[in-house]
Amino acid sequence: MIDCLYSSCFTMFCSTKINEYVATVTAETAINSSARDLPKTKQPIEGIDYYIEDGNYVFKAWFHLKRGHCCTNGCRHCPYKTQQLQ
């Protein structure tokens, strides 16, 4: 349970829960992940959907799961690993 609703605390709490879920997803189950059915946000959320590394956006597995399919760009955190090989 979260006791603090400050933006940074809430983001950290959500990120932890999302990471726990993502850890259970395999390449085989990613395609049918319920994340793709969630309402879409207008903008990706830093710490939830992406992080910044050397000035570049690095999208996390959660972002890809919400998209619902592999973009075949070889993304670092792609949960659809088998799709990239086709």
Protein backbone atom coordinates (compact mmCIF):
# COMPACT_ATOMS: atom_id res chain seq x y z
CA MET A 1 0.00 0.00 0.00
CA ILE A 2 1.19 3.49 -0.76
CA ASP A 3 1.15 6.08 2.01
CA CYS A 4 2.44 9.02 -0.02
CA LEU A 5 0.67 10.41 -3.06
CA TYR A 6 3.39 12.82 -4.16
CA SER A 7 4.02 12.41 -7.87
CA SER A 8 7.47 10.88 -7.43
CA CYS A 9 6.30 8.45 -4.71
CA PHE A 10 3.26 7.43 -6.73
CA THR A 11 5.37 6.90 -9.86
CA MET A 12 7.87 4.78 -7.91
CA PHE A 13 5.07 2.69 -6.40
CA CYS A 14 3.41 2.15 -9.79
CA SER A 15 6.73 1.37 -11.44
CA THR A 16 7.48 -1.28 -8.82
CA LYS A 17 4.10 -2.96 -9.32
CA ILE A 18 4.41 -2.77 -13.10
CA ASN A 19 7.91 -4.26 -12.99
CA GLU A 20 6.60 -7.13 -10.86
CA TYR A 21 3.94 -7.81 -13.50
CA VAL A 22 6.36 -7.46 -16.42
CA ALA A 23 8.68 -9.99 -14.75
CA THR A 24 5.93 -12.61 -15.16
CA VAL A 25 5.49 -11.96 -18.90
CA THR A 26 7.27 -14.19 -21.41
CA ALA A 27 7.63 -13.69 -25.14
CA GLU A 28 4.83 -16.23 -25.60
CA THR A 29 2.42 -14.51 -23.21
CA ALA A 30 3.28 -10.93 -24.22
CA ILE A 31 0.99 -10.95 -27.26
CA ASN A 32 -2.05 -11.72 -25.12
CA SER A 33 -1.07 -9.42 -22.26
CA SER A 34 -3.97 -7.51 -20.74
CA ALA A 35 -1.79 -4.37 -20.76
CA ARG A 36 -2.77 -3.68 -24.36
CA ASP A 37 -6.41 -3.31 -23.29
CA LEU A 38 -5.67 -0.53 -20.80
CA PRO A 39 -6.69 3.02 -21.68
CA LYS A 40 -3.96 4.75 -23.68
CA THR A 41 -2.23 7.82 -22.29
CA LYS A 42 -1.59 10.81 -24.52
CA GLN A 43 2.07 10.96 -23.47
CA PRO A 44 4.44 8.29 -22.19
CA ILE A 45 5.26 8.70 -18.49
CA GLU A 46 8.90 8.93 -17.44
CA GLY A 47 9.75 6.16 -14.99
CA ILE A 48 6.74 4.10 -16.06
CA ASP A 49 6.95 3.91 -19.86
CA TYR A 50 10.52 5.05 -20.43
CA TYR A 51 13.72 6.34 -18.92
CA ILE A 52 16.34 8.65 -20.37
CA GLU A 53 19.84 7.34 -21.00
CA ASP A 54 22.53 9.58 -22.52
CA GLY A 55 19.81 11.95 -23.73
CA ASN A 56 17.83 9.19 -25.47
CA TYR A 57 14.43 7.82 -24.57
CA VAL A 58 14.60 4.12 -23.74
CA PHE A 59 11.14 2.56 -23.74
CA LYS A 60 10.48 -0.03 -21.07
CA ALA A 61 8.70 -3.36 -21.57
CA TRP A 62 5.51 -1.87 -20.13
CA PHE A 63 5.33 0.67 -22.97
CA HIS A 64 5.69 -2.12 -25.52
CA LEU A 65 3.09 -4.30 -23.79
CA LYS A 66 0.58 -1.46 -23.89
CA ARG A 67 1.23 -1.05 -27.62
CA GLY A 68 0.21 -4.69 -28.04
CA HIS A 69 2.67 -5.76 -30.73
CA CYS A 70 6.32 -5.75 -31.75
CA CYS A 71 7.50 -2.86 -33.93
CA THR A 72 10.46 -4.98 -35.18
CA ASN A 73 12.99 -2.22 -34.41
CA GLY A 74 14.98 -4.41 -32.01
CA CYS A 75 14.07 -2.41 -28.90
CA ARG A 76 16.18 -3.14 -25.82
CA HIS A 77 13.24 -4.02 -23.56
CA CYS A 78 10.94 -5.63 -26.11
CA PRO A 79 8.84 -8.34 -24.44
CA TYR A 80 8.02 -9.85 -27.87
CA LYS A 81 11.52 -11.24 -28.45
CA THR A 82 10.31 -14.05 -30.73
CA GLN A 83 8.55 -11.54 -33.00
CA GLN A 84 11.82 -9.74 -33.75
CA LEU A 85 13.34 -12.87 -35.24
CA GLN A 86 10.65 -13.36 -37.88
